[in-house]
Amino acid sequence: MGHSRCGAILATLEELRHPSEDQSKNLRSIVDRIRPSLTSLLETDQDPDILLQQAVRANIHSSVNQLQHGSEILEQLVKKDGLIILGAEYSLDTGIVDFFDGLS
C-alpha cells in the first residue's frame, strides 16, 4: 500500500531531478529502491501534483510486481492457491483506500 504525499517518493523525485552527494545512507537506500519505478516518469513535462500521483502509483505497481514475482513461495501461492496480491493507495486527505486490481 502506498499513500498520497509520500515522503520517500518525493525524496526520490527530488534526487532524480537534482542528484545530491549529501544524502544519508538510509535515505539513499530508500531512493535507490524506488528510483527504477520512477525514472521514466520524468521524461514527460507534467504538473507536479499529477507527477507525484503517478509516481506513487508506479511505486505501488512495482511493489506488487516484486511481491508477485520476487518470492517463490508467494508466486506458487498465486499460481496454485489463488492468492491475490493487490496494490492500494491510502489518501492522507480523505482516509479512503483505493485498491487496484490488474497490477500484474
N, C-alpha and C. Protein backbone atom coordinates (compact mmCIF):
# COMPACT_ATOMS: atom_id res chain seq x y z
N MET A 1 0.85 -1.17 0.00
CA MET A 1 0.00 0.00 0.00
C MET A 1 0.89 1.23 0.00
N GLY A 2 0.60 2.11 -0.91
CA GLY A 2 1.27 3.40 -0.94
C GLY A 2 0.33 4.45 -0.35
N HIS A 3 0.82 5.66 -0.23
CA HIS A 3 -0.06 6.72 0.27
C HIS A 3 0.27 8.04 -0.41
N SER A 4 -0.73 8.90 -0.42
CA SER A 4 -0.57 10.22 -1.04
C SER A 4 0.50 11.01 -0.30
N ARG A 5 1.13 11.92 -1.02
CA ARG A 5 2.17 12.81 -0.46
C ARG A 5 3.29 12.03 0.23
N CYS A 6 3.66 10.90 -0.32
CA CYS A 6 4.67 10.03 0.27
C CYS A 6 6.04 10.71 0.26
N GLY A 7 6.64 10.83 1.42
CA GLY A 7 7.95 11.47 1.54
C GLY A 7 9.05 10.73 0.81
N ALA A 8 8.99 9.40 0.79
CA ALA A 8 10.01 8.61 0.08
C ALA A 8 9.92 8.86 -1.43
N ILE A 9 8.71 8.96 -1.94
CA ILE A 9 8.52 9.24 -3.37
C ILE A 9 9.00 10.66 -3.68
N LEU A 10 8.64 11.61 -2.83
CA LEU A 10 9.08 13.00 -3.03
C LEU A 10 10.61 13.09 -3.01
N ALA A 11 11.25 12.39 -2.07
CA ALA A 11 12.71 12.40 -1.98
C ALA A 11 13.34 11.78 -3.23
N THR A 12 12.72 10.72 -3.75
CA THR A 12 13.25 10.08 -4.95
C THR A 12 13.11 10.98 -6.16
N LEU A 13 11.95 11.61 -6.31
CA LEU A 13 11.76 12.55 -7.42
C LEU A 13 12.77 13.70 -7.35
N GLU A 14 12.99 14.21 -6.15
CA GLU A 14 13.95 15.30 -5.97
C GLU A 14 15.36 14.84 -6.33
N GLU A 15 15.71 13.64 -5.92
CA GLU A 15 17.04 13.10 -6.23
C GLU A 15 17.20 12.88 -7.73
N LEU A 16 16.16 12.44 -8.40
CA LEU A 16 16.24 12.25 -9.85
C LEU A 16 16.38 13.58 -10.58
N ARG A 17 15.74 14.61 -10.08
CA ARG A 17 15.84 15.94 -10.70
C ARG A 17 17.16 16.62 -10.38
N HIS A 18 17.58 16.52 -9.13
CA HIS A 18 18.77 17.22 -8.65
C HIS A 18 19.60 16.27 -7.80
N PRO A 19 20.43 15.44 -8.42
CA PRO A 19 21.23 14.47 -7.66
C PRO A 19 22.09 15.14 -6.58
N SER A 20 22.19 14.47 -5.45
CA SER A 20 22.92 15.02 -4.31
C SER A 20 23.90 13.98 -3.77
N GLU A 21 25.04 14.45 -3.33
CA GLU A 21 26.02 13.57 -2.70
C GLU A 21 25.85 13.55 -1.18
N ASP A 22 25.04 14.45 -0.65
CA ASP A 22 24.93 14.61 0.80
C ASP A 22 23.76 13.86 1.42
N GLN A 23 23.22 12.87 0.74
CA GLN A 23 22.10 12.12 1.28
C GLN A 23 22.59 11.13 2.32
N SER A 24 21.77 10.94 3.36
CA SER A 24 22.13 9.94 4.36
C SER A 24 22.10 8.55 3.74
N LYS A 25 22.83 7.63 4.34
CA LYS A 25 22.90 6.26 3.83
C LYS A 25 21.51 5.60 3.82
N ASN A 26 20.72 5.87 4.85
CA ASN A 26 19.38 5.28 4.94
C ASN A 26 18.47 5.83 3.86
N LEU A 27 18.49 7.15 3.65
CA LEU A 27 17.66 7.75 2.61
C LEU A 27 18.13 7.28 1.23
N ARG A 28 19.42 7.19 1.03
CA ARG A 28 19.97 6.70 -0.24
C ARG A 28 19.46 5.30 -0.54
N SER A 29 19.38 4.44 0.47
CA SER A 29 18.89 3.08 0.29
C SER A 29 17.43 3.08 -0.17
N ILE A 30 16.61 3.91 0.42
CA ILE A 30 15.20 4.01 0.03
C ILE A 30 15.07 4.55 -1.38
N VAL A 31 15.79 5.63 -1.67
CA VAL A 31 15.75 6.25 -3.01
C VAL A 31 16.21 5.26 -4.07
N ASP A 32 17.27 4.53 -3.80
CA ASP A 32 17.78 3.56 -4.78
C ASP A 32 16.77 2.44 -5.05
N ARG A 33 15.98 2.08 -4.05
CA ARG A 33 14.97 1.04 -4.22
C ARG A 33 13.79 1.53 -5.06
N ILE A 34 13.43 2.80 -4.90
CA ILE A 34 12.27 3.36 -5.59
C ILE A 34 12.62 3.87 -6.99
N ARG A 35 13.84 4.36 -7.16
CA ARG A 35 14.29 5.01 -8.40
C ARG A 35 13.88 4.29 -9.69
N PRO A 36 14.07 2.97 -9.83
CA PRO A 36 13.76 2.31 -11.11
C PRO A 36 12.30 2.47 -11.56
N SER A 37 11.38 2.53 -10.61
CA SER A 37 9.97 2.63 -10.99
C SER A 37 9.56 4.05 -11.36
N LEU A 38 10.42 5.04 -11.11
CA LEU A 38 10.05 6.43 -11.36
C LEU A 38 10.81 7.10 -12.50
N THR A 39 11.92 6.54 -12.90
CA THR A 39 12.80 7.19 -13.88
C THR A 39 12.07 7.61 -15.15
N SER A 40 11.25 6.74 -15.71
CA SER A 40 10.58 7.06 -16.98
C SER A 40 9.55 8.17 -16.83
N LEU A 41 9.02 8.38 -15.63
CA LEU A 41 8.03 9.43 -15.42
C LEU A 41 8.60 10.83 -15.63
N LEU A 42 9.89 10.98 -15.40
CA LEU A 42 10.49 12.31 -15.52
C LEU A 42 10.76 12.71 -16.97
N GLU A 43 10.54 11.78 -17.90
CA GLU A 43 10.78 12.08 -19.30
C GLU A 43 9.68 12.95 -19.90
N THR A 44 8.58 13.11 -19.19
CA THR A 44 7.48 13.96 -19.68
C THR A 44 7.38 15.19 -18.80
N ASP A 45 6.90 16.26 -19.38
CA ASP A 45 6.70 17.52 -18.65
C ASP A 45 5.28 17.51 -18.09
N GLN A 46 5.16 17.36 -16.78
CA GLN A 46 3.84 17.23 -16.16
C GLN A 46 3.68 18.17 -15.00
N ASP A 47 2.44 18.40 -14.65
CA ASP A 47 2.09 19.12 -13.44
C ASP A 47 2.68 18.34 -12.26
N PRO A 48 3.33 19.03 -11.31
CA PRO A 48 3.96 18.33 -10.18
C PRO A 48 3.02 17.45 -9.36
N ASP A 49 1.76 17.87 -9.20
CA ASP A 49 0.81 17.06 -8.43
C ASP A 49 0.45 15.78 -9.17
N ILE A 50 0.28 15.88 -10.48
CA ILE A 50 -0.02 14.70 -11.30
C ILE A 50 1.19 13.76 -11.31
N LEU A 51 2.37 14.35 -11.44
CA LEU A 51 3.61 13.55 -11.42
C LEU A 51 3.71 12.77 -10.11
N LEU A 52 3.45 13.44 -8.99
CA LEU A 52 3.53 12.77 -7.69
C LEU A 52 2.52 11.62 -7.61
N GLN A 53 1.29 11.86 -8.05
CA GLN A 53 0.29 10.79 -8.02
C GLN A 53 0.71 9.62 -8.90
N GLN A 54 1.22 9.91 -10.08
CA GLN A 54 1.68 8.83 -10.97
C GLN A 54 2.88 8.10 -10.38
N ALA A 55 3.75 8.84 -9.70
CA ALA A 55 4.93 8.22 -9.08
C ALA A 55 4.52 7.29 -7.94
N VAL A 56 3.57 7.72 -7.12
CA VAL A 56 3.07 6.86 -6.04
C VAL A 56 2.51 5.58 -6.62
N ARG A 57 1.70 5.72 -7.68
CA ARG A 57 1.08 4.53 -8.29
C ARG A 57 2.10 3.65 -9.00
N ALA A 58 3.11 4.24 -9.61
CA ALA A 58 4.16 3.44 -10.23
C ALA A 58 4.91 2.63 -9.18
N ASN A 59 5.14 3.22 -8.02
CA ASN A 59 5.83 2.50 -6.95
C ASN A 59 4.94 1.39 -6.39
N ILE A 60 3.64 1.64 -6.30
CA ILE A 60 2.71 0.60 -5.86
C ILE A 60 2.77 -0.57 -6.85
N HIS A 61 2.70 -0.27 -8.13
CA HIS A 61 2.77 -1.29 -9.17
C HIS A 61 4.06 -2.10 -9.05
N SER A 62 5.17 -1.41 -8.85
CA SER A 62 6.46 -2.08 -8.71
C SER A 62 6.48 -2.98 -7.48
N SER A 63 5.91 -2.52 -6.39
CA SER A 63 5.86 -3.32 -5.16
C SER A 63 5.01 -4.57 -5.34
N VAL A 64 3.87 -4.42 -6.01
CA VAL A 64 3.01 -5.57 -6.28
C VAL A 64 3.77 -6.58 -7.14
N ASN A 65 4.43 -6.08 -8.18
CA ASN A 65 5.19 -6.97 -9.06
C ASN A 65 6.29 -7.71 -8.29
N GLN A 66 6.96 -7.00 -7.41
CA GLN A 66 8.02 -7.62 -6.60
C GLN A 66 7.45 -8.70 -5.70
N LEU A 67 6.29 -8.44 -5.09
CA LEU A 67 5.67 -9.44 -4.24
C LEU A 67 5.20 -10.65 -5.05
N GLN A 68 4.67 -10.41 -6.24
CA GLN A 68 4.16 -11.50 -7.07
C GLN A 68 5.28 -12.36 -7.65
N HIS A 69 6.43 -11.75 -7.93
CA HIS A 69 7.47 -12.49 -8.64
C HIS A 69 8.81 -12.57 -7.91
N GLY A 70 8.93 -11.92 -6.76
CA GLY A 70 10.20 -11.90 -6.05
C GLY A 70 10.35 -12.97 -5.00
N SER A 71 9.29 -13.73 -4.78
CA SER A 71 9.32 -14.80 -3.78
C SER A 71 8.72 -16.05 -4.40
N GLU A 72 9.48 -17.11 -4.40
CA GLU A 72 8.99 -18.37 -4.97
C GLU A 72 7.75 -18.86 -4.22
N ILE A 73 7.74 -18.68 -2.91
CA ILE A 73 6.60 -19.12 -2.12
C ILE A 73 5.34 -18.35 -2.50
N LEU A 74 5.44 -17.02 -2.55
CA LEU A 74 4.27 -16.22 -2.92
C LEU A 74 3.85 -16.49 -4.36
N GLU A 75 4.82 -16.66 -5.24
CA GLU A 75 4.50 -16.94 -6.65
C GLU A 75 3.70 -18.25 -6.76
N GLN A 76 4.10 -19.25 -6.02
CA GLN A 76 3.38 -20.53 -6.04
C GLN A 76 1.98 -20.38 -5.44
N LEU A 77 1.86 -19.60 -4.37
CA LEU A 77 0.54 -19.38 -3.77
C LEU A 77 -0.40 -18.65 -4.73
N VAL A 78 0.15 -17.75 -5.51
CA VAL A 78 -0.65 -17.05 -6.52
C VAL A 78 -1.09 -18.04 -7.59
N LYS A 79 -0.15 -18.82 -8.11
CA LYS A 79 -0.44 -19.73 -9.21
C LYS A 79 -1.33 -20.90 -8.80
N LYS A 80 -1.03 -21.53 -7.68
CA LYS A 80 -1.71 -22.77 -7.31
C LYS A 80 -2.91 -22.57 -6.39
N ASP A 81 -2.84 -21.61 -5.49
CA ASP A 81 -3.88 -21.47 -4.47
C ASP A 81 -4.77 -20.24 -4.67
N GLY A 82 -4.47 -19.45 -5.68
CA GLY A 82 -5.33 -18.30 -5.97
C GLY A 82 -5.10 -17.09 -5.08
N LEU A 83 -3.95 -17.04 -4.43
CA LEU A 83 -3.63 -15.85 -3.64
C LEU A 83 -3.67 -14.64 -4.57
N ILE A 84 -4.30 -13.57 -4.11
CA ILE A 84 -4.37 -12.34 -4.89
C ILE A 84 -3.56 -11.27 -4.16
N ILE A 85 -2.64 -10.68 -4.87
CA ILE A 85 -1.84 -9.58 -4.33
C ILE A 85 -2.29 -8.32 -5.05
N LEU A 86 -2.86 -7.40 -4.30
CA LEU A 86 -3.38 -6.16 -4.87
C LEU A 86 -2.57 -4.97 -4.38
N GLY A 87 -2.51 -3.96 -5.21
CA GLY A 87 -1.94 -2.69 -4.79
C GLY A 87 -3.05 -1.82 -4.24
N ALA A 88 -2.69 -0.90 -3.38
CA ALA A 88 -3.67 0.02 -2.80
C ALA A 88 -2.98 1.35 -2.52
N GLU A 89 -3.80 2.40 -2.54
CA GLU A 89 -3.29 3.74 -2.22
C GLU A 89 -4.19 4.36 -1.16
N TYR A 90 -3.57 4.78 -0.07
CA TYR A 90 -4.27 5.43 1.03
C TYR A 90 -4.16 6.94 0.85
N SER A 91 -5.30 7.63 0.90
CA SER A 91 -5.30 9.08 0.80
C SER A 91 -5.19 9.68 2.20
N LEU A 92 -4.14 10.42 2.43
CA LEU A 92 -3.96 11.09 3.72
C LEU A 92 -5.02 12.17 3.93
N ASP A 93 -5.56 12.71 2.82
CA ASP A 93 -6.56 13.78 2.92
C ASP A 93 -7.94 13.25 3.29
N THR A 94 -8.32 12.12 2.71
CA THR A 94 -9.69 11.63 2.89
C THR A 94 -9.80 10.39 3.76
N GLY A 95 -8.70 9.66 3.93
CA GLY A 95 -8.74 8.41 4.66
C GLY A 95 -9.26 7.24 3.82
N ILE A 96 -9.51 7.49 2.55
CA ILE A 96 -10.02 6.46 1.66
C ILE A 96 -8.86 5.64 1.09
N VAL A 97 -9.09 4.33 0.98
CA VAL A 97 -8.11 3.43 0.37
C VAL A 97 -8.68 2.97 -0.97
N ASP A 98 -7.94 3.23 -2.05
CA ASP A 98 -8.30 2.76 -3.38
C ASP A 98 -7.49 1.51 -3.66
N PHE A 99 -8.17 0.44 -4.03
CA PHE A 99 -7.50 -0.80 -4.38
C PHE A 99 -7.39 -0.90 -5.89
N PHE A 100 -6.25 -1.39 -6.37
CA PHE A 100 -6.00 -1.52 -7.81
C PHE A 100 -5.85 -3.00 -8.14
N ASP A 101 -6.77 -3.53 -8.94
CA ASP A 101 -6.56 -4.88 -9.42
C ASP A 101 -6.00 -4.78 -10.83
N GLY A 102 -5.52 -5.88 -11.32
CA GLY A 102 -4.92 -5.87 -12.64
C GLY A 102 -3.52 -5.30 -12.67
N LEU A 103 -2.83 -5.29 -11.54
CA LEU A 103 -1.46 -4.76 -11.48
C LEU A 103 -0.44 -5.86 -11.61
N SER A 104 -0.70 -6.84 -12.41
CA SER A 104 0.27 -7.94 -12.51
C SER A 104 1.44 -7.58 -13.37
